[in-house]
Amino acid sequence: MLYFIVNNTSANGKCLNVLKKVTARLSERGAEYKLYRTNRKGHAAHIAAKLSRLPDYKITIIVIGGDGTVNEVLNGISDFEKVRLGIIPAGSGNDFAGGLKLGTDVNELVDRIIDNHLSDKIRRIDLGKVSFENCSRLFGISSGVGMDAIVCKKVSESRIKKLMNMLHLGRLSYLLMTVYTLFSMETADITADFGKEKRTINDVIYFVGMNLRAEGGGVPMAPDALPDDGMLTFSDAAGIPKWRTFLCLPFLVMAKQKRLRGFDIYPADRAVIETSKPMILHADGEYLGQYSRIEYECLPGKLKIIN
């Protein structure tokens, strides 16, 4: 049995078009499946938790939606040894599916899920865990503070993303908001403890722990990050005058930031950061609040991917 969690509102209805293709292919293949449609924020996590408790020795959950829906499901799964996760991207950014190089052809994705389900073929990848004020959140793509977190919060609250999705330009909404944020945001100082090394970073524009190479609709914050190396890749930009940030942005988008002064990228399996003032925090683009002490941890091989 294949269990599908479907976000009906993902990318302004794009998900429904994808769903039609998925169900048509499932019928052609004679696959046995059930659909669960979300109707509110947090509903995907609730469904995933319910499915995780089924008595089956293996449970295949497939998400049809965007990165926010995937993150909800990750945080709803209660038994990662029993659950295998499939992704059929239908959001505006789709950084999780893109980072795993799953492809976009719906028929190929469905065929691969069915075949791997039958043959028990899976791929293990790492997950990240971010902890703050006695709470924690799993993430598959990234979690960070500063510019990227502010952009995620603003995009989710603005009408720009909805308009861009209607024009099939959803990823552009992140870039437009990034430009605006770069000139309007305030920086902060961060002390980062990686266990073997402790660093003080002044005038931080962003600090992010990456599990995959790109976030925010494909921006390669950590071009060399791998999802199965047992490490997170921490990336930051700091000490860059505002007038120069705009000139640096093309280098960031083209994954050439290593050439520039003010950008640092380094792998580690954990980090504890303390900030000079509360900073906005996100996980996979989901706003989590503002905090001054944050812990990051890599969970090696935690998630089984079936496509």
Protein backbone atom coordinates (compact mmCIF):
# COMPACT_ATOMS: atom_id res chain seq x y z
CA MET A 1 0.00 0.00 0.00
CA LEU A 2 1.21 3.49 -0.89
CA TYR A 3 0.04 6.39 1.29
CA PHE A 4 -0.07 9.83 -0.34
CA ILE A 5 -0.20 13.09 1.62
CA VAL A 6 -1.41 15.83 -0.72
CA ASN A 7 -1.26 19.57 -0.13
CA ASN A 8 -4.21 20.86 -2.16
CA THR A 9 -3.10 24.50 -1.94
CA SER A 10 0.58 24.03 -2.82
CA ALA A 11 1.82 26.55 -5.44
CA ASN A 12 -1.68 27.97 -5.99
CA GLY A 13 -3.24 24.73 -7.12
CA LYS A 14 -0.29 23.32 -9.09
CA CYS A 15 -0.47 20.33 -6.80
CA LEU A 16 -3.91 19.36 -8.10
CA ASN A 17 -2.61 19.19 -11.67
CA VAL A 18 0.27 16.99 -10.51
CA LEU A 19 -2.16 14.81 -8.54
CA LYS A 20 -4.20 14.09 -11.69
CA LYS A 21 -1.09 12.81 -13.44
CA VAL A 22 -0.10 10.77 -10.40
CA THR A 23 -3.45 9.02 -10.01
CA ALA A 24 -3.60 8.31 -13.74
CA ARG A 25 -0.20 6.63 -13.61
CA LEU A 26 -1.07 4.71 -10.46
CA SER A 27 -4.17 3.34 -12.21
CA GLU A 28 -2.12 2.34 -15.25
CA ARG A 29 0.30 0.46 -13.00
CA GLY A 30 -2.48 -1.12 -10.93
CA ALA A 31 -0.94 0.18 -7.72
CA GLU A 32 -2.83 0.05 -4.43
CA TYR A 33 -2.88 3.45 -2.70
CA LYS A 34 -4.71 5.81 -0.37
CA LEU A 35 -4.88 9.62 -0.57
CA TYR A 36 -4.87 11.96 2.42
CA ARG A 37 -5.51 15.63 1.65
CA THR A 38 -4.35 18.37 4.01
CA ASN A 39 -6.78 21.13 4.98
CA ARG A 40 -4.84 23.23 7.49
CA LYS A 41 -1.35 24.09 8.66
CA GLY A 42 0.13 21.19 10.59
CA HIS A 43 -2.29 18.67 9.11
CA ALA A 44 0.44 16.87 7.12
CA ALA A 45 2.37 16.23 10.34
CA HIS A 46 -0.77 14.85 11.98
CA ILE A 47 -1.39 12.48 9.06
CA ALA A 48 2.24 11.34 9.01
CA ALA A 49 2.12 10.63 12.75
CA LYS A 50 -1.05 8.58 12.30
CA LEU A 51 0.43 6.58 9.42
CA SER A 52 3.63 5.96 11.39
CA ARG A 53 1.62 4.11 14.00
CA LEU A 54 0.17 1.58 11.55
CA PRO A 55 1.10 -2.01 12.45
CA ASP A 56 2.78 -2.64 9.05
CA TYR A 57 6.49 -3.46 9.24
CA LYS A 58 7.14 -1.03 6.37
CA ILE A 59 5.15 2.08 5.50
CA THR A 60 5.63 4.09 2.33
CA ILE A 61 4.50 7.72 2.57
CA ILE A 62 4.63 9.92 -0.52
CA VAL A 63 4.34 13.69 -0.30
CA ILE A 64 2.75 15.61 -3.17
CA GLY A 65 3.49 19.22 -2.31
CA GLY A 66 6.30 21.65 -1.60
CA ASP A 67 9.12 21.93 0.90
CA GLY A 68 6.81 23.12 3.69
CA THR A 69 4.67 19.99 3.38
CA VAL A 70 7.78 17.77 3.33
CA ASN A 71 9.02 19.45 6.52
CA GLU A 72 5.69 18.88 8.26
CA VAL A 73 5.80 15.20 7.33
CA LEU A 74 9.38 14.84 8.58
CA ASN A 75 8.30 16.26 11.91
CA GLY A 76 5.26 14.01 12.06
CA ILE A 77 7.02 10.70 11.43
CA SER A 78 7.44 8.85 14.72
CA ASP A 79 9.26 5.74 13.48
CA PHE A 80 11.95 6.45 10.88
CA GLU A 81 13.02 2.81 10.69
CA LYS A 82 9.56 1.73 9.60
CA VAL A 83 8.76 4.64 7.27
CA ARG A 84 10.13 5.19 3.75
CA LEU A 85 9.47 8.60 2.19
CA GLY A 86 8.76 9.42 -1.44
CA ILE A 87 8.55 12.92 -2.90
CA ILE A 88 6.62 14.18 -5.91
CA PRO A 89 7.46 17.91 -6.00
CA ALA A 90 4.54 20.28 -6.49
CA GLY A 91 5.60 23.45 -4.69
CA SER A 92 7.16 26.72 -5.76
CA GLY A 93 10.73 26.08 -4.56
CA ASN A 94 11.07 22.28 -4.40
CA ASP A 95 14.57 22.49 -2.92
CA PHE A 96 14.27 19.13 -1.17
CA ALA A 97 13.48 17.19 -4.35
CA GLY A 98 15.96 19.28 -6.31
CA GLY A 99 18.74 18.70 -3.79
CA LEU A 100 18.21 14.94 -4.04
CA LYS A 101 18.07 15.16 -7.86
CA LEU A 102 14.79 13.29 -8.02
CA GLY A 103 13.70 14.83 -11.33
CA THR A 104 10.37 16.37 -12.29
CA ASP A 105 8.78 13.88 -14.69
CA VAL A 106 5.68 12.69 -12.81
CA ASN A 107 5.38 9.34 -14.57
CA GLU A 108 9.04 8.52 -13.93
CA LEU A 109 8.70 9.51 -10.26
CA VAL A 110 5.61 7.34 -9.79
CA ASP A 111 7.21 4.38 -11.59
CA ARG A 112 10.35 4.64 -9.46
CA ILE A 113 8.34 4.80 -6.24
CA ILE A 114 6.27 1.75 -7.19
CA ASP A 115 9.29 -0.27 -8.32
CA ASN A 116 11.38 0.61 -5.27
CA HIS A 117 8.44 -0.07 -2.96
CA LEU A 118 8.13 -3.57 -4.39
CA SER A 119 11.88 -4.26 -4.34
CA ASP A 120 12.52 -2.61 -0.95
CA LYS A 121 15.14 -0.36 -2.55
CA ILE A 122 15.81 2.72 -0.42
CA ARG A 123 18.44 5.42 -0.01
CA ARG A 124 19.39 6.71 3.42
CA ILE A 125 20.06 10.42 3.87
CA ASP A 126 20.88 12.63 6.83
CA LEU A 127 18.47 14.99 8.53
CA GLY A 128 19.27 18.09 10.55
CA LYS A 129 17.87 18.94 13.96
CA VAL A 130 17.64 22.48 15.32
CA SER A 131 16.88 23.07 19.01
CA PHE A 132 15.78 26.30 20.68
CA GLU A 133 14.21 27.11 24.07
CA ASN A 134 13.33 23.49 24.96
CA CYS A 135 11.88 22.90 21.49
CA SER A 136 13.32 21.20 18.42
CA ARG A 137 12.56 20.82 14.73
CA LEU A 138 13.85 18.43 12.09
CA PHE A 139 14.86 19.77 8.70
CA GLY A 140 15.77 18.18 5.41
CA ILE A 141 17.13 21.20 3.53
CA SER A 142 18.39 23.87 5.91
CA SER A 143 17.89 25.91 9.05
CA GLY A 144 19.30 29.35 9.61
CA VAL A 145 19.13 32.83 11.06
CA GLY A 146 19.46 36.23 9.45
CA MET A 147 18.78 37.05 5.81
CA ASP A 148 17.48 33.69 4.62
CA ALA A 149 15.16 33.37 7.61
CA ILE A 150 13.84 36.91 7.14
CA VAL A 151 13.26 36.25 3.44
CA CYS A 152 11.34 33.03 4.15
CA LYS A 153 9.13 34.81 6.68
CA LYS A 154 8.45 37.78 4.40
CA VAL A 155 7.71 35.63 1.35
CA SER A 156 5.25 33.48 3.29
CA GLU A 157 3.44 36.59 4.55
CA SER A 158 3.44 38.63 1.33
CA ARG A 159 1.35 38.52 -1.82
CA ILE A 160 4.44 38.39 -4.00
CA LYS A 161 4.79 34.61 -3.85
CA LYS A 162 1.14 34.08 -4.76
CA LEU A 163 1.46 36.43 -7.73
CA MET A 164 4.71 34.84 -8.90
CA ASN A 165 3.18 31.36 -8.62
CA MET A 166 0.33 32.46 -10.84
CA LEU A 167 2.93 33.55 -13.40
CA HIS A 168 4.89 30.27 -12.88
CA LEU A 169 7.77 32.32 -11.46
CA GLY A 170 7.54 31.22 -7.82
CA ARG A 171 11.30 31.03 -7.29
CA LEU A 172 11.72 34.65 -8.36
CA SER A 173 9.76 35.79 -5.29
CA TYR A 174 12.66 34.65 -3.06
CA LEU A 175 15.20 36.56 -5.14
CA LEU A 176 13.16 39.78 -5.12
CA MET A 177 12.66 39.60 -1.36
CA THR A 178 16.36 38.83 -0.86
CA VAL A 179 17.35 42.04 -2.64
CA TYR A 180 14.93 44.04 -0.50
CA THR A 181 16.09 42.35 2.72
CA LEU A 182 19.78 42.91 2.04
CA PHE A 183 19.29 46.67 2.11
CA SER A 184 16.85 46.81 5.03
CA MET A 185 17.97 44.19 7.57
CA GLU A 186 20.11 44.72 10.66
CA THR A 187 23.10 42.48 11.30
CA ALA A 188 24.14 40.79 14.56
CA ASP A 189 27.22 39.17 16.09
CA ILE A 190 27.38 35.41 16.58
CA THR A 191 29.55 33.08 18.65
CA ALA A 192 29.57 29.63 17.06
CA ASP A 193 30.88 26.58 18.92
CA PHE A 194 31.56 23.58 16.67
CA GLY A 195 33.08 21.44 19.42
CA LYS A 196 36.64 21.36 18.11
CA GLU A 197 36.54 25.01 17.09
CA LYS A 198 34.87 28.15 18.40
CA ARG A 199 34.41 31.23 16.24
CA THR A 200 33.20 34.78 16.74
CA ILE A 201 31.53 36.20 13.66
CA ASN A 202 30.72 39.92 13.59
CA ASP A 203 28.05 41.73 11.57
CA VAL A 204 26.39 38.51 10.41
CA ILE A 205 24.07 38.77 7.42
CA TYR A 206 23.15 35.10 7.55
CA PHE A 207 24.26 31.92 9.29
CA VAL A 208 22.74 28.67 8.05
CA GLY A 209 23.17 24.94 8.56
CA MET A 210 22.69 23.17 5.23
CA ASN A 211 21.83 19.52 4.72
CA LEU A 212 21.43 20.04 0.97
CA ARG A 213 23.28 22.46 -1.29
CA ALA A 214 20.50 24.99 -1.99
CA GLU A 215 17.53 26.68 -0.35
CA GLY A 216 15.13 29.53 -1.13
CA GLY A 217 14.21 28.32 -4.60
CA GLY A 218 17.62 27.04 -5.64
CA VAL A 219 20.14 29.46 -4.07
CA PRO A 220 23.31 27.37 -3.50
CA MET A 221 24.26 28.49 0.02
CA ALA A 222 26.56 25.45 0.38
CA PRO A 223 27.50 24.23 -3.10
CA ASP A 224 29.43 21.19 -1.84
CA ALA A 225 26.94 19.98 0.77
CA LEU A 226 25.98 16.31 0.58
CA PRO A 227 22.88 14.73 2.14
CA ASP A 228 24.58 11.48 3.15
CA ASP A 229 28.00 12.42 4.57
CA GLY A 230 26.99 12.56 8.24
CA MET A 231 27.65 16.29 8.37
CA LEU A 232 25.87 19.61 8.06
CA THR A 233 27.56 22.34 6.04
CA PHE A 234 27.50 25.68 7.86
CA SER A 235 27.57 28.77 5.72
CA ASP A 236 27.69 32.43 6.68
CA ALA A 237 28.10 35.88 5.21
CA ALA A 238 29.40 38.59 7.53
CA GLY A 239 31.18 41.93 7.65
CA ILE A 240 30.05 42.96 4.17
CA PRO A 241 28.97 46.61 3.70
CA LYS A 242 25.38 46.94 2.49
CA TRP A 243 26.43 48.68 -0.72
CA ARG A 244 28.58 45.65 -1.62
CA THR A 245 25.97 42.98 -0.82
CA PHE A 246 24.11 43.69 -4.04
CA LEU A 247 27.31 43.14 -6.02
CA CYS A 248 27.91 39.86 -4.15
CA LEU A 249 24.44 38.45 -4.81
CA PRO A 250 25.17 37.19 -8.36
CA PHE A 251 28.21 35.30 -7.04
CA LEU A 252 26.01 33.65 -4.41
CA VAL A 253 23.39 32.65 -6.97
CA MET A 254 26.11 31.20 -9.22
CA ALA A 255 27.71 29.27 -6.29
CA LYS A 256 30.90 31.33 -6.58
CA GLN A 257 30.79 32.92 -3.10
CA LYS A 258 33.98 31.14 -1.98
CA ARG A 259 35.91 33.64 -4.07
CA LEU A 260 34.63 36.58 -2.04
CA ARG A 261 35.81 37.99 1.27
CA GLY A 262 33.10 37.79 3.92
CA PHE A 263 31.72 34.35 2.98
CA ASP A 264 32.66 31.18 4.89
CA ILE A 265 31.60 27.57 4.40
CA TYR A 266 32.64 24.74 6.73
CA PRO A 267 31.33 21.24 7.54
CA ALA A 268 30.58 20.03 11.06
CA ASP A 269 28.25 17.51 12.65
CA ARG A 270 26.95 20.00 15.22
CA ALA A 271 27.10 23.64 16.33
CA VAL A 272 25.83 25.85 19.13
CA ILE A 273 25.38 29.51 18.30
CA GLU A 274 24.71 32.46 20.59
CA THR A 275 23.67 35.78 19.07
CA SER A 276 24.08 39.34 20.30
CA LYS A 277 20.33 39.85 19.91
CA PRO A 278 17.38 37.58 19.08
CA MET A 279 17.38 36.57 15.41
CA ILE A 280 14.63 35.15 13.22
CA LEU A 281 15.03 31.38 12.81
CA HIS A 282 13.65 29.11 10.10
CA ALA A 283 13.74 25.39 9.28
CA ASP A 284 13.12 24.44 5.65
CA GLY A 285 11.63 27.89 5.14
CA GLU A 286 9.18 27.61 8.04
CA TYR A 287 9.28 30.49 10.54
CA LEU A 288 10.10 29.29 14.08
CA GLY A 289 10.40 32.56 16.03
CA GLN A 290 13.29 34.70 17.30
CA TYR A 291 16.02 33.28 19.52
CA SER A 292 19.48 34.06 20.92
CA ARG A 293 20.73 30.50 21.52
CA ILE A 294 20.34 27.77 18.92
CA GLU A 295 21.76 24.26 18.65
CA TYR A 296 22.28 22.31 15.42
CA GLU A 297 22.88 18.58 15.07
CA CYS A 298 23.22 16.19 12.12
CA LEU A 299 21.27 12.93 12.36
CA PRO A 300 23.21 10.59 10.02
CA GLY A 301 21.18 8.28 7.79
CA LYS A 302 17.99 9.10 9.66
CA LEU A 303 15.62 9.17 6.65
CA LYS A 304 14.85 6.43 4.13
CA ILE A 305 14.10 7.83 0.66
CA ILE A 306 12.30 5.52 -1.77
CA ASN A 307 12.70 7.46 -5.03
